[in-house]
């Protein structure tokens, strides 16, 4: 994790899950150091990029159906039950 100056602005640069992250902070080196400290804390607490620990079960079931069928499930109206009115 590093802080560097390019032109008039300071930037932060670090790697997260094999992806390089670079952010422009502004003209203050002190602010850039605060932001990089905040990012380190978020990564340690698993809050960086709003990581969810367990996926939404409805979306995961829909995803499984998409993977099996290759398309989204079709919503069909429920059949009418009971006596006919004829």
C-alpha atoms as a PDB file:
ATOM      1  CA  UNK A   1       0.000   0.000   0.000  1.00  0.00           C
ATOM      2  CA  UNK A   2       1.446   3.306  -1.007  1.00  0.00           C
ATOM      3  CA  UNK A   3       0.716   7.012  -1.236  1.00  0.00           C
ATOM      4  CA  UNK A   4       2.235   8.985  -4.095  1.00  0.00           C
ATOM      5  CA  UNK A   5       1.921  12.386  -5.715  1.00  0.00           C
ATOM      6  CA  UNK A   6       1.287  12.860  -9.404  1.00  0.00           C
ATOM      7  CA  UNK A   7       0.929  16.418 -10.585  1.00  0.00           C
ATOM      8  CA  UNK A   8      -0.988  18.297  -7.904  1.00  0.00           C
ATOM      9  CA  UNK A   9      -2.940  15.360  -6.463  1.00  0.00           C
ATOM     10  CA  UNK A  10      -2.077  12.478  -4.166  1.00  0.00           C
ATOM     11  CA  UNK A  11      -3.060   8.927  -5.010  1.00  0.00           C
ATOM     12  CA  UNK A  12      -3.230   5.671  -3.090  1.00  0.00           C
ATOM     13  CA  UNK A  13      -2.244   2.366  -4.649  1.00  0.00           C
ATOM     14  CA  UNK A  14      -2.738  -1.177  -3.283  1.00  0.00           C
ATOM     15  CA  UNK A  15      -3.673  -4.720  -4.266  1.00  0.00           C
ATOM     16  CA  UNK A  16      -6.887  -6.429  -3.115  1.00  0.00           C
ATOM     17  CA  UNK A  17      -7.711 -10.013  -4.138  1.00  0.00           C
ATOM     18  CA  UNK A  18      -5.239  -9.960  -7.034  1.00  0.00           C
ATOM     19  CA  UNK A  19      -6.692  -6.695  -8.369  1.00  0.00           C
ATOM     20  CA  UNK A  20      -4.774  -3.426  -8.318  1.00  0.00           C
ATOM     21  CA  UNK A  21      -6.737  -0.555  -6.773  1.00  0.00           C
ATOM     22  CA  UNK A  22      -5.746   3.058  -7.392  1.00  0.00           C
ATOM     23  CA  UNK A  23      -7.674   6.048  -6.083  1.00  0.00           C
ATOM     24  CA  UNK A  24      -7.225   9.775  -6.486  1.00  0.00           C
ATOM     25  CA  UNK A  25      -7.514  11.496  -3.119  1.00  0.00           C
ATOM     26  CA  UNK A  26      -6.722  15.178  -3.655  1.00  0.00           C
ATOM     27  CA  UNK A  27      -4.038  17.762  -2.938  1.00  0.00           C
ATOM     28  CA  UNK A  28      -3.524  16.792   0.738  1.00  0.00           C
ATOM     29  CA  UNK A  29      -0.987  14.120   1.680  1.00  0.00           C
ATOM     30  CA  UNK A  30      -2.497  13.915   5.165  1.00  0.00           C
ATOM     31  CA  UNK A  31      -5.916  13.039   3.687  1.00  0.00           C
ATOM     32  CA  UNK A  32      -4.354  10.373   1.466  1.00  0.00           C
ATOM     33  CA  UNK A  33      -2.659   8.765   4.476  1.00  0.00           C
ATOM     34  CA  UNK A  34      -5.975   8.784   6.377  1.00  0.00           C
ATOM     35  CA  UNK A  35      -7.788   7.140   3.462  1.00  0.00           C
ATOM     36  CA  UNK A  36      -5.189   4.400   3.039  1.00  0.00           C
ATOM     37  CA  UNK A  37      -5.327   3.681   6.784  1.00  0.00           C
ATOM     38  CA  UNK A  38      -9.126   3.445   6.488  1.00  0.00           C
ATOM     39  CA  UNK A  39      -8.849   1.029   3.529  1.00  0.00           C
ATOM     40  CA  UNK A  40      -6.428  -1.174   5.507  1.00  0.00           C
ATOM     41  CA  UNK A  41      -8.916  -1.319   8.382  1.00  0.00           C
ATOM     42  CA  UNK A  42     -11.806  -2.138   6.032  1.00  0.00           C
ATOM     43  CA  UNK A  43      -9.827  -4.970   4.427  1.00  0.00           C
ATOM     44  CA  UNK A  44      -8.878  -6.426   7.814  1.00  0.00           C
ATOM     45  CA  UNK A  45     -12.522  -6.286   9.003  1.00  0.00           C
ATOM     46  CA  UNK A  46     -13.858  -7.720   5.682  1.00  0.00           C
ATOM     47  CA  UNK A  47     -15.856  -4.559   5.051  1.00  0.00           C
ATOM     48  CA  UNK A  48     -13.989  -3.358   1.971  1.00  0.00           C
ATOM     49  CA  UNK A  49     -16.282  -3.374  -1.077  1.00  0.00           C
ATOM     50  CA  UNK A  50     -19.164  -4.291   1.258  1.00  0.00           C
ATOM     51  CA  UNK A  51     -18.427  -8.024   1.323  1.00  0.00           C
ATOM     52  CA  UNK A  52     -21.448 -10.147   2.294  1.00  0.00           C
ATOM     53  CA  UNK A  53     -20.703 -13.365   4.147  1.00  0.00           C
ATOM     54  CA  UNK A  54     -23.763 -15.369   3.037  1.00  0.00           C
ATOM     55  CA  UNK A  55     -25.513 -14.870  -0.298  1.00  0.00           C
ATOM     56  CA  UNK A  56     -29.215 -14.143  -0.653  1.00  0.00           C
ATOM     57  CA  UNK A  57     -30.897 -17.588  -0.931  1.00  0.00           C
ATOM     58  CA  UNK A  58     -33.502 -16.467  -3.501  1.00  0.00           C
ATOM     59  CA  UNK A  59     -30.878 -15.111  -5.848  1.00  0.00           C
ATOM     60  CA  UNK A  60     -28.668 -18.168  -5.472  1.00  0.00           C
ATOM     61  CA  UNK A  61     -31.603 -20.485  -6.355  1.00  0.00           C
ATOM     62  CA  UNK A  62     -32.419 -18.365  -9.404  1.00  0.00           C
ATOM     63  CA  UNK A  63     -28.759 -18.502 -10.384  1.00  0.00           C
ATOM     64  CA  UNK A  64     -28.764 -22.289 -10.080  1.00  0.00           C
ATOM     65  CA  UNK A  65     -31.820 -22.520 -12.358  1.00  0.00           C
ATOM     66  CA  UNK A  66     -30.162 -20.225 -14.882  1.00  0.00           C
ATOM     67  CA  UNK A  67     -27.025 -22.356 -14.832  1.00  0.00           C
ATOM     68  CA  UNK A  68     -29.036 -25.568 -15.320  1.00  0.00           C
ATOM     69  CA  UNK A  69     -31.445 -24.313 -17.992  1.00  0.00           C
ATOM     70  CA  UNK A  70     -29.429 -21.538 -19.565  1.00  0.00           C
ATOM     71  CA  UNK A  71     -32.265 -19.047 -19.057  1.00  0.00           C
ATOM     72  CA  UNK A  72     -34.334 -17.422 -16.347  1.00  0.00           C
ATOM     73  CA  UNK A  73     -37.365 -19.307 -14.998  1.00  0.00           C
ATOM     74  CA  UNK A  74     -40.696 -18.187 -16.455  1.00  0.00           C
ATOM     75  CA  UNK A  75     -43.360 -16.968 -14.062  1.00  0.00           C
ATOM     76  CA  UNK A  76     -46.628 -18.619 -15.008  1.00  0.00           C
ATOM     77  CA  UNK A  77     -50.017 -17.911 -13.450  1.00  0.00           C
ATOM     78  CA  UNK A  78     -51.142 -20.424 -10.892  1.00  0.00           C
ATOM     79  CA  UNK A  79     -53.826 -22.873 -12.041  1.00  0.00           C
ATOM     80  CA  UNK A  80     -57.361 -22.161 -10.850  1.00  0.00           C
ATOM     81  CA  UNK A  81     -58.596 -24.788  -8.437  1.00  0.00           C
ATOM     82  CA  UNK A  82     -62.061 -25.492  -7.143  1.00  0.00           C
ATOM     83  CA  UNK A  83     -65.461 -26.018  -8.750  1.00  0.00           C
ATOM     84  CA  UNK A  84     -66.268 -24.579 -12.111  1.00  0.00           C
ATOM     85  CA  UNK A  85     -69.016 -21.971 -12.352  1.00  0.00           C
ATOM     86  CA  UNK A  86     -70.647 -23.368 -15.543  1.00  0.00           C
END
